[in-house]
N, C-alpha and C. Protein backbone atom coordinates (compact mmCIF):
# COMPACT_ATOMS: atom_id res chain seq x y z
N MET A 1 148.73 47.49 45.83
CA MET A 1 147.50 47.43 45.08
C MET A 1 147.33 48.72 44.29
N GLN A 2 146.96 48.62 43.03
CA GLN A 2 146.76 49.80 42.20
C GLN A 2 145.46 50.49 42.58
N PHE A 3 145.37 51.79 42.19
CA PHE A 3 144.20 52.60 42.53
C PHE A 3 142.91 51.95 42.03
N GLY A 4 142.88 51.47 40.80
CA GLY A 4 141.68 50.84 40.24
C GLY A 4 141.26 49.61 41.02
N GLU A 5 142.23 48.81 41.42
CA GLU A 5 141.93 47.62 42.22
C GLU A 5 141.38 47.99 43.58
N GLU A 6 141.92 49.07 44.16
CA GLU A 6 141.44 49.55 45.46
C GLU A 6 139.98 50.01 45.34
N LEU A 7 139.65 50.72 44.26
CA LEU A 7 138.27 51.16 44.05
C LEU A 7 137.33 49.98 43.87
N LEU A 8 137.77 48.98 43.12
CA LEU A 8 136.95 47.79 42.93
C LEU A 8 136.69 47.11 44.27
N LYS A 9 137.72 47.03 45.08
CA LYS A 9 137.58 46.41 46.39
C LYS A 9 136.60 47.22 47.25
N HIS A 10 136.72 48.55 47.23
CA HIS A 10 135.80 49.40 47.99
C HIS A 10 134.37 49.23 47.51
N THR A 11 134.17 49.19 46.20
CA THR A 11 132.83 49.04 45.66
C THR A 11 132.21 47.73 46.10
N ARG A 12 132.97 46.67 45.98
CA ARG A 12 132.47 45.36 46.41
C ARG A 12 132.12 45.36 47.89
N THR A 13 132.96 46.01 48.68
CA THR A 13 132.71 46.07 50.12
C THR A 13 131.44 46.83 50.43
N VAL A 14 131.22 47.97 49.78
CA VAL A 14 130.00 48.75 50.01
C VAL A 14 128.77 47.95 49.61
N LEU A 15 128.80 47.38 48.42
CA LEU A 15 127.63 46.64 47.96
C LEU A 15 127.38 45.40 48.80
N TRP A 16 128.43 44.69 49.17
CA TRP A 16 128.28 43.51 50.01
C TRP A 16 127.72 43.90 51.37
N SER A 17 128.28 44.95 51.98
CA SER A 17 127.83 45.35 53.31
C SER A 17 126.43 45.92 53.29
N TRP A 18 126.04 46.56 52.19
CA TRP A 18 124.65 47.02 52.07
C TRP A 18 123.73 45.81 52.11
N GLY A 19 124.09 44.78 51.39
CA GLY A 19 123.28 43.56 51.42
C GLY A 19 123.23 42.96 52.81
N VAL A 20 124.35 42.96 53.51
CA VAL A 20 124.39 42.44 54.87
C VAL A 20 123.52 43.31 55.78
N ALA A 21 123.63 44.61 55.65
CA ALA A 21 122.93 45.52 56.54
C ALA A 21 121.41 45.40 56.42
N VAL A 22 120.92 45.18 55.23
CA VAL A 22 119.47 45.13 55.07
C VAL A 22 118.91 43.71 55.04
N GLN A 23 119.77 42.73 55.07
CA GLN A 23 119.28 41.36 55.04
C GLN A 23 119.75 40.56 56.25
N VAL A 24 119.97 41.27 57.34
CA VAL A 24 120.39 40.60 58.57
C VAL A 24 119.33 39.58 58.95
N GLN A 25 119.77 38.41 59.29
CA GLN A 25 118.83 37.37 59.67
C GLN A 25 118.67 37.35 61.19
N LYS A 26 117.44 37.22 61.65
CA LYS A 26 117.16 37.13 63.09
C LYS A 26 116.49 35.80 63.36
N PRO A 27 116.97 35.07 64.36
CA PRO A 27 116.31 33.80 64.68
C PRO A 27 114.92 34.04 65.27
N CYS A 28 114.02 33.15 65.01
CA CYS A 28 112.70 33.22 65.61
C CYS A 28 112.29 31.82 66.04
N ARG A 29 111.05 31.65 66.46
CA ARG A 29 110.59 30.33 66.96
C ARG A 29 110.89 29.23 65.95
N GLY A 30 111.19 28.08 66.47
CA GLY A 30 111.39 26.91 65.63
C GLY A 30 112.71 26.92 64.88
N GLY A 31 113.60 27.84 65.21
CA GLY A 31 114.89 27.89 64.54
C GLY A 31 114.83 28.52 63.16
N GLU A 32 113.63 28.98 62.73
CA GLU A 32 113.53 29.64 61.43
C GLU A 32 114.23 30.98 61.48
N GLU A 33 114.53 31.49 60.33
CA GLU A 33 115.11 32.83 60.27
C GLU A 33 114.21 33.70 59.41
N VAL A 34 114.08 34.95 59.81
CA VAL A 34 113.27 35.90 59.04
C VAL A 34 114.14 37.10 58.72
N GLU A 35 113.80 37.79 57.65
CA GLU A 35 114.59 38.96 57.28
C GLU A 35 114.34 40.09 58.25
N PHE A 36 115.39 40.82 58.53
CA PHE A 36 115.31 42.01 59.36
C PHE A 36 114.46 43.04 58.62
N ASP A 37 113.72 43.85 59.33
CA ASP A 37 112.84 44.85 58.74
C ASP A 37 113.67 45.97 58.10
N VAL A 38 113.71 46.02 56.78
CA VAL A 38 114.49 47.01 56.05
C VAL A 38 114.05 48.42 56.43
N ASP A 39 112.75 48.62 56.62
CA ASP A 39 112.26 49.95 57.00
C ASP A 39 112.90 50.43 58.29
N LEU A 40 113.06 49.52 59.24
CA LEU A 40 113.67 49.91 60.51
C LEU A 40 115.14 50.27 60.32
N VAL A 41 115.82 49.58 59.43
CA VAL A 41 117.21 49.91 59.15
C VAL A 41 117.30 51.31 58.57
N LEU A 42 116.41 51.63 57.64
CA LEU A 42 116.43 52.95 57.01
C LEU A 42 116.07 54.05 58.00
N ILE A 43 115.10 53.80 58.84
CA ILE A 43 114.70 54.79 59.83
C ILE A 43 115.80 55.02 60.86
N GLN A 44 116.60 54.00 61.08
CA GLN A 44 117.70 54.14 62.04
C GLN A 44 118.67 55.24 61.60
N VAL A 45 118.84 55.46 60.31
CA VAL A 45 119.69 56.55 59.83
C VAL A 45 119.18 57.87 60.39
N MET A 46 117.87 58.07 60.31
CA MET A 46 117.29 59.32 60.80
C MET A 46 117.39 59.41 62.31
N ARG A 47 117.18 58.32 63.00
CA ARG A 47 117.29 58.34 64.46
C ARG A 47 118.69 58.77 64.89
N TRP A 48 119.70 58.20 64.27
CA TRP A 48 121.06 58.55 64.64
C TRP A 48 121.39 59.97 64.21
N THR A 49 120.86 60.39 63.07
CA THR A 49 121.09 61.78 62.66
C THR A 49 120.60 62.73 63.74
N LEU A 50 119.40 62.48 64.25
CA LEU A 50 118.83 63.36 65.26
C LEU A 50 119.47 63.17 66.63
N GLU A 51 120.00 61.99 66.88
CA GLU A 51 120.72 61.78 68.14
C GLU A 51 122.03 62.58 68.13
N ILE A 52 122.71 62.57 67.00
CA ILE A 52 123.97 63.28 66.86
C ILE A 52 123.73 64.79 66.84
N ALA A 53 122.71 65.21 66.12
CA ALA A 53 122.42 66.65 65.95
C ALA A 53 120.92 66.90 66.04
N PRO A 54 120.37 67.00 67.23
CA PRO A 54 118.93 67.20 67.39
C PRO A 54 118.36 68.40 66.63
N ALA A 55 119.15 69.45 66.48
CA ALA A 55 118.68 70.64 65.76
C ALA A 55 118.44 70.37 64.28
N ALA A 56 118.96 69.27 63.76
CA ALA A 56 118.78 68.94 62.35
C ALA A 56 117.32 68.64 62.01
N LYS A 57 116.53 68.39 63.02
CA LYS A 57 115.12 68.08 62.80
C LYS A 57 114.43 69.15 61.96
N ARG A 58 114.77 70.41 62.18
CA ARG A 58 114.13 71.52 61.46
C ARG A 58 114.46 71.51 59.97
N LEU A 59 115.49 70.78 59.58
CA LEU A 59 115.91 70.75 58.17
C LEU A 59 115.09 69.77 57.33
N PHE A 60 114.33 68.93 57.98
CA PHE A 60 113.54 67.92 57.28
C PHE A 60 112.06 68.27 57.38
N SER A 61 111.45 68.61 56.27
CA SER A 61 110.04 69.02 56.29
C SER A 61 109.14 67.94 56.87
N PHE A 62 109.49 66.70 56.69
CA PHE A 62 108.67 65.60 57.17
C PHE A 62 108.86 65.32 58.66
N LEU A 63 109.74 66.07 59.32
CA LEU A 63 109.96 65.89 60.75
C LEU A 63 109.61 67.12 61.59
N LYS A 64 109.40 68.26 60.94
CA LYS A 64 109.22 69.52 61.65
C LYS A 64 108.16 69.46 62.75
N ASP A 65 107.01 68.91 62.46
CA ASP A 65 105.90 68.90 63.42
C ASP A 65 105.77 67.59 64.19
N ALA A 66 106.70 66.71 64.03
CA ALA A 66 106.62 65.40 64.68
C ALA A 66 107.37 65.42 66.03
N ASP A 67 106.76 64.82 67.03
CA ASP A 67 107.42 64.71 68.33
C ASP A 67 108.46 63.60 68.33
N GLU A 68 108.22 62.60 67.50
CA GLU A 68 109.19 61.51 67.37
C GLU A 68 109.26 61.14 65.89
N ILE A 69 110.20 60.30 65.57
CA ILE A 69 110.38 59.93 64.17
C ILE A 69 109.20 59.07 63.73
N PRO A 70 108.46 59.54 62.72
CA PRO A 70 107.30 58.77 62.25
C PRO A 70 107.74 57.55 61.43
N VAL A 71 107.55 56.39 62.00
CA VAL A 71 108.04 55.15 61.40
C VAL A 71 107.44 54.89 60.02
N ASN A 72 106.20 55.24 59.82
CA ASN A 72 105.54 54.94 58.54
C ASN A 72 105.49 56.13 57.59
N ASN A 73 106.38 57.07 57.75
CA ASN A 73 106.39 58.25 56.91
C ASN A 73 107.08 57.94 55.58
N PRO A 74 106.36 57.99 54.47
CA PRO A 74 106.96 57.63 53.18
C PRO A 74 108.07 58.60 52.75
N LYS A 75 107.98 59.87 53.14
CA LYS A 75 109.03 60.83 52.77
C LYS A 75 110.33 60.52 53.50
N LEU A 76 110.22 60.13 54.75
CA LEU A 76 111.40 59.76 55.53
C LEU A 76 112.07 58.54 54.91
N LYS A 77 111.27 57.53 54.62
CA LYS A 77 111.83 56.31 54.01
C LYS A 77 112.47 56.61 52.66
N ALA A 78 111.79 57.44 51.87
CA ALA A 78 112.33 57.77 50.55
C ALA A 78 113.67 58.50 50.67
N HIS A 79 113.76 59.39 51.64
CA HIS A 79 115.01 60.13 51.84
C HIS A 79 116.14 59.18 52.25
N ALA A 80 115.86 58.30 53.21
CA ALA A 80 116.88 57.36 53.67
C ALA A 80 117.31 56.43 52.54
N ILE A 81 116.36 55.96 51.75
CA ILE A 81 116.70 55.09 50.63
C ILE A 81 117.59 55.82 49.63
N LYS A 82 117.29 57.09 49.37
CA LYS A 82 118.11 57.87 48.44
C LYS A 82 119.54 57.99 48.94
N VAL A 83 119.70 58.23 50.24
CA VAL A 83 121.06 58.35 50.80
C VAL A 83 121.82 57.04 50.60
N PHE A 84 121.20 55.91 50.95
CA PHE A 84 121.87 54.61 50.78
C PHE A 84 122.13 54.32 49.30
N LYS A 85 121.12 54.50 48.48
CA LYS A 85 121.25 54.17 47.06
C LYS A 85 122.32 55.03 46.38
N MET A 86 122.29 56.32 46.65
CA MET A 86 123.27 57.20 46.01
C MET A 86 124.68 56.92 46.51
N THR A 87 124.81 56.50 47.75
CA THR A 87 126.14 56.15 48.26
C THR A 87 126.64 54.87 47.57
N CYS A 88 125.75 53.91 47.39
CA CYS A 88 126.13 52.69 46.65
C CYS A 88 126.50 53.03 45.21
N GLU A 89 125.71 53.89 44.58
CA GLU A 89 126.02 54.29 43.21
C GLU A 89 127.35 55.03 43.15
N ALA A 90 127.64 55.82 44.17
CA ALA A 90 128.93 56.52 44.22
C ALA A 90 130.08 55.52 44.25
N ALA A 91 129.92 54.45 45.01
CA ALA A 91 130.96 53.43 45.08
C ALA A 91 131.18 52.79 43.72
N ILE A 92 130.10 52.52 43.01
CA ILE A 92 130.21 51.92 41.68
C ILE A 92 130.92 52.88 40.73
N GLN A 93 130.55 54.15 40.78
CA GLN A 93 131.17 55.13 39.90
C GLN A 93 132.65 55.31 40.22
N LEU A 94 133.00 55.26 41.48
CA LEU A 94 134.41 55.34 41.83
C LEU A 94 135.19 54.21 41.17
N ARG A 95 134.58 53.03 41.15
CA ARG A 95 135.24 51.89 40.52
C ARG A 95 135.34 52.08 39.01
N GLU A 96 134.22 52.49 38.41
CA GLU A 96 134.17 52.55 36.95
C GLU A 96 134.86 53.77 36.35
N ARG A 97 134.78 54.92 37.04
CA ARG A 97 135.29 56.17 36.48
C ARG A 97 136.42 56.81 37.28
N GLY A 98 136.56 56.35 38.52
CA GLY A 98 137.55 56.98 39.39
C GLY A 98 137.06 58.26 40.03
N GLU A 99 135.79 58.57 39.82
CA GLU A 99 135.18 59.76 40.40
C GLU A 99 133.67 59.57 40.46
N VAL A 100 133.03 60.40 41.24
CA VAL A 100 131.57 60.35 41.34
C VAL A 100 131.00 61.40 40.40
N VAL A 101 130.14 60.96 39.50
CA VAL A 101 129.49 61.87 38.57
C VAL A 101 127.99 61.67 38.72
N VAL A 102 127.34 62.65 39.32
CA VAL A 102 125.89 62.61 39.47
C VAL A 102 125.31 63.32 38.25
N SER A 103 124.25 62.75 37.67
CA SER A 103 123.69 63.36 36.46
C SER A 103 123.37 64.82 36.71
N GLY A 104 123.51 65.62 35.67
CA GLY A 104 123.35 67.07 35.77
C GLY A 104 122.08 67.53 36.45
N SER A 105 120.95 66.99 36.04
CA SER A 105 119.68 67.45 36.62
C SER A 105 119.54 66.99 38.07
N THR A 106 119.99 65.79 38.38
CA THR A 106 119.93 65.31 39.75
C THR A 106 120.85 66.13 40.64
N LEU A 107 122.06 66.38 40.18
CA LEU A 107 123.02 67.15 40.96
C LEU A 107 122.51 68.58 41.16
N LYS A 108 121.97 69.17 40.12
CA LYS A 108 121.44 70.53 40.23
C LYS A 108 120.30 70.57 41.25
N TYR A 109 119.43 69.58 41.20
CA TYR A 109 118.32 69.50 42.14
C TYR A 109 118.83 69.34 43.57
N LEU A 110 119.75 68.41 43.78
CA LEU A 110 120.29 68.18 45.12
C LEU A 110 121.01 69.42 45.66
N GLY A 111 121.80 70.05 44.80
CA GLY A 111 122.49 71.27 45.21
C GLY A 111 121.50 72.36 45.60
N SER A 112 120.48 72.52 44.78
CA SER A 112 119.47 73.55 45.04
C SER A 112 118.71 73.31 46.33
N VAL A 113 118.23 72.09 46.53
CA VAL A 113 117.45 71.76 47.73
C VAL A 113 118.31 71.91 48.98
N HIS A 114 119.53 71.39 48.94
CA HIS A 114 120.40 71.48 50.11
C HIS A 114 120.77 72.94 50.41
N LEU A 115 120.97 73.75 49.37
CA LEU A 115 121.28 75.16 49.57
C LEU A 115 120.08 75.90 50.16
N GLN A 116 118.90 75.64 49.61
CA GLN A 116 117.68 76.29 50.12
C GLN A 116 117.40 75.93 51.57
N LYS A 117 117.71 74.71 51.96
CA LYS A 117 117.45 74.26 53.33
C LYS A 117 118.50 74.77 54.32
N GLY A 118 119.56 75.36 53.79
CA GLY A 118 120.61 75.86 54.68
C GLY A 118 121.58 74.79 55.13
N ILE A 119 121.70 73.73 54.36
CA ILE A 119 122.62 72.64 54.69
C ILE A 119 124.05 73.13 54.51
N VAL A 120 124.90 72.81 55.47
CA VAL A 120 126.32 73.19 55.41
C VAL A 120 127.16 71.93 55.64
N ALA A 121 128.45 72.05 55.41
CA ALA A 121 129.36 70.88 55.46
C ALA A 121 129.19 70.02 56.73
N PRO A 122 129.08 70.61 57.91
CA PRO A 122 128.93 69.75 59.10
C PRO A 122 127.66 68.88 59.07
N HIS A 123 126.63 69.33 58.38
CA HIS A 123 125.41 68.51 58.27
C HIS A 123 125.70 67.23 57.49
N PHE A 124 126.52 67.33 56.46
CA PHE A 124 126.88 66.14 55.69
C PHE A 124 127.64 65.14 56.57
N GLU A 125 128.48 65.66 57.46
CA GLU A 125 129.24 64.79 58.36
C GLU A 125 128.32 64.06 59.34
N VAL A 126 127.26 64.75 59.78
CA VAL A 126 126.30 64.12 60.69
C VAL A 126 125.62 62.95 59.99
N VAL A 127 125.16 63.18 58.77
CA VAL A 127 124.48 62.11 58.03
C VAL A 127 125.45 60.96 57.74
N LYS A 128 126.69 61.29 57.44
CA LYS A 128 127.71 60.25 57.21
C LYS A 128 127.85 59.38 58.46
N GLU A 129 127.97 60.01 59.61
CA GLU A 129 128.12 59.25 60.85
C GLU A 129 126.90 58.38 61.11
N ALA A 130 125.71 58.92 60.85
CA ALA A 130 124.48 58.14 61.03
C ALA A 130 124.44 56.96 60.06
N LEU A 131 124.85 57.20 58.83
CA LEU A 131 124.90 56.13 57.82
C LEU A 131 125.87 55.03 58.26
N LEU A 132 127.06 55.43 58.71
CA LEU A 132 128.04 54.45 59.15
C LEU A 132 127.54 53.65 60.35
N ARG A 133 126.91 54.31 61.29
CA ARG A 133 126.38 53.60 62.46
C ARG A 133 125.30 52.60 62.05
N THR A 134 124.49 52.99 61.08
CA THR A 134 123.42 52.11 60.62
C THR A 134 123.99 50.87 59.95
N VAL A 135 124.94 51.06 59.06
CA VAL A 135 125.55 49.91 58.38
C VAL A 135 126.30 49.05 59.39
N GLU A 136 126.97 49.69 60.34
CA GLU A 136 127.68 48.93 61.37
C GLU A 136 126.71 48.06 62.17
N LYS A 137 125.60 48.64 62.58
CA LYS A 137 124.61 47.87 63.33
C LYS A 137 124.06 46.72 62.49
N GLY A 138 123.75 47.02 61.23
CA GLY A 138 123.21 45.99 60.35
C GLY A 138 124.20 44.88 60.06
N ALA A 139 125.47 45.24 59.92
CA ALA A 139 126.50 44.25 59.60
C ALA A 139 126.91 43.43 60.82
N GLY A 140 126.70 43.99 61.99
CA GLY A 140 127.02 43.26 63.22
C GLY A 140 128.49 42.87 63.30
N GLU A 141 128.74 41.60 63.54
CA GLU A 141 130.11 41.09 63.70
C GLU A 141 130.93 41.22 62.42
N LYS A 142 130.27 41.38 61.29
CA LYS A 142 130.99 41.48 60.01
C LYS A 142 131.56 42.87 59.77
N TRP A 143 131.16 43.85 60.60
CA TRP A 143 131.64 45.23 60.47
C TRP A 143 133.14 45.25 60.69
N CYS A 144 133.85 46.01 59.85
CA CYS A 144 135.30 46.12 59.98
C CYS A 144 135.76 47.47 59.45
N GLU A 145 137.00 47.78 59.67
CA GLU A 145 137.55 49.06 59.21
C GLU A 145 137.48 49.19 57.68
N GLU A 146 137.65 48.08 56.98
CA GLU A 146 137.57 48.12 55.52
C GLU A 146 136.18 48.55 55.07
N MET A 147 135.17 48.02 55.73
CA MET A 147 133.79 48.38 55.40
C MET A 147 133.56 49.86 55.70
N LYS A 148 134.02 50.30 56.85
CA LYS A 148 133.88 51.71 57.23
C LYS A 148 134.57 52.61 56.21
N GLY A 149 135.77 52.23 55.81
CA GLY A 149 136.52 53.02 54.83
C GLY A 149 135.83 53.09 53.49
N ALA A 150 135.27 51.98 53.05
CA ALA A 150 134.60 51.94 51.75
C ALA A 150 133.35 52.83 51.75
N TRP A 151 132.52 52.70 52.79
CA TRP A 151 131.32 53.54 52.88
C TRP A 151 131.71 55.01 53.03
N SER A 152 132.74 55.28 53.82
CA SER A 152 133.17 56.66 54.03
C SER A 152 133.63 57.29 52.73
N GLU A 153 134.44 56.58 51.98
CA GLU A 153 134.95 57.12 50.71
C GLU A 153 133.81 57.40 49.73
N ALA A 154 132.90 56.46 49.59
CA ALA A 154 131.78 56.66 48.66
C ALA A 154 130.92 57.84 49.10
N TYR A 155 130.60 57.92 50.38
CA TYR A 155 129.78 59.03 50.87
C TYR A 155 130.52 60.36 50.75
N ASP A 156 131.80 60.38 51.09
CA ASP A 156 132.58 61.62 50.99
C ASP A 156 132.60 62.15 49.57
N GLN A 157 132.78 61.26 48.61
CA GLN A 157 132.81 61.69 47.21
C GLN A 157 131.45 62.23 46.77
N LEU A 158 130.39 61.55 47.19
CA LEU A 158 129.04 62.00 46.85
C LEU A 158 128.75 63.35 47.49
N SER A 159 129.05 63.50 48.76
CA SER A 159 128.76 64.78 49.43
C SER A 159 129.63 65.90 48.86
N ALA A 160 130.85 65.59 48.44
CA ALA A 160 131.70 66.61 47.81
C ALA A 160 131.07 67.10 46.51
N ALA A 161 130.50 66.19 45.73
CA ALA A 161 129.85 66.59 44.47
C ALA A 161 128.64 67.49 44.76
N ILE A 162 127.85 67.13 45.75
CA ILE A 162 126.67 67.94 46.10
C ILE A 162 127.12 69.30 46.62
N GLN A 163 128.12 69.33 47.49
CA GLN A 163 128.59 70.60 48.04
C GLN A 163 129.21 71.49 46.97
N ALA A 164 129.88 70.90 46.00
CA ALA A 164 130.43 71.69 44.90
C ALA A 164 129.30 72.33 44.09
N GLU A 165 128.24 71.58 43.86
CA GLU A 165 127.08 72.13 43.15
C GLU A 165 126.42 73.24 43.97
N MET A 166 126.34 73.06 45.27
CA MET A 166 125.79 74.10 46.14
C MET A 166 126.61 75.38 46.04
N ALA A 167 127.92 75.24 46.06
CA ALA A 167 128.80 76.41 45.97
C ALA A 167 128.63 77.10 44.62
N LYS A 168 128.51 76.31 43.57
CA LYS A 168 128.31 76.86 42.23
C LYS A 168 127.00 77.64 42.17
N GLU A 169 125.95 77.05 42.70
CA GLU A 169 124.65 77.71 42.67
C GLU A 169 124.65 78.98 43.52
N ALA A 170 125.30 78.94 44.66
CA ALA A 170 125.39 80.12 45.53
C ALA A 170 126.16 81.24 44.83
N ALA A 171 127.23 80.90 44.13
CA ALA A 171 128.02 81.89 43.40
C ALA A 171 127.20 82.50 42.26
N GLU A 172 126.43 81.66 41.57
CA GLU A 172 125.58 82.16 40.49
C GLU A 172 124.51 83.11 41.03
N ALA A 173 123.92 82.76 42.15
CA ALA A 173 122.91 83.62 42.76
C ALA A 173 123.52 84.95 43.21
N GLN A 174 124.73 84.90 43.77
CA GLN A 174 125.40 86.11 44.20
C GLN A 174 125.75 86.99 43.00
N ALA A 175 126.17 86.37 41.90
CA ALA A 175 126.49 87.12 40.69
C ALA A 175 125.24 87.83 40.16
N GLU A 176 124.11 87.16 40.22
CA GLU A 176 122.86 87.78 39.76
C GLU A 176 122.50 88.98 40.64
N VAL A 177 122.67 88.85 41.95
CA VAL A 177 122.37 89.95 42.87
C VAL A 177 123.32 91.13 42.59
N THR A 178 124.58 90.82 42.41
CA THR A 178 125.57 91.86 42.13
C THR A 178 125.26 92.57 40.82
N GLN A 179 124.93 91.79 39.81
CA GLN A 179 124.60 92.38 38.50
C GLN A 179 123.36 93.25 38.58
N ALA A 180 122.36 92.79 39.30
CA ALA A 180 121.12 93.57 39.45
C ALA A 180 121.39 94.87 40.19
N ALA A 181 122.26 94.82 41.20
CA ALA A 181 122.60 96.03 41.95
C ALA A 181 123.36 97.03 41.10
N GLU A 182 124.21 96.53 40.23
CA GLU A 182 125.01 97.40 39.36
C GLU A 182 124.17 98.06 38.28
N THR A 183 123.09 97.44 37.87
CA THR A 183 122.26 98.00 36.79
C THR A 183 121.21 98.96 37.30
N GLN A 184 121.02 99.04 38.60
CA GLN A 184 120.04 99.98 39.16
C GLN A 184 120.69 101.35 39.31
N PRO A 185 119.89 102.41 39.01
CA PRO A 185 120.45 103.78 39.09
C PRO A 185 120.68 104.24 40.51
């Protein structure tokens, strides 16, 4: 299989499994089926993040003063949605461009926020694991290594772009400090 075909396959797998993960059907009375609560799926990402790395709680402003994960917290939901959405977009970009390209202002913002919060490479791995566990739970019996690989590749490419921007911003800040020190008598 050629590289482009592999990317197309990965993109389809990510998008299909996202649909499966958030539209899991649960039986209820009378044999009817109802949609699984999307909010609970999104909050599960945060639960697993904190299960894997409890100290990560301090990195999220919306969790700092909470004893447990606030289910109805709009900032938490917005953050989880961004992680899922950007990972799906990364899969599409991998198919279309062969690389992940986050718009300049969005990438600059993400790099800046993650740098200010003290996020480091292992933190990205924790969120990746939580994301994979969430999609696996949502996909149920449909979960497979192909699905895991597709989500992993999309997330890895996205996190690499953010981390590269963080490194760039850190280098620029260090250059400013160095320059300021050199100009002082």
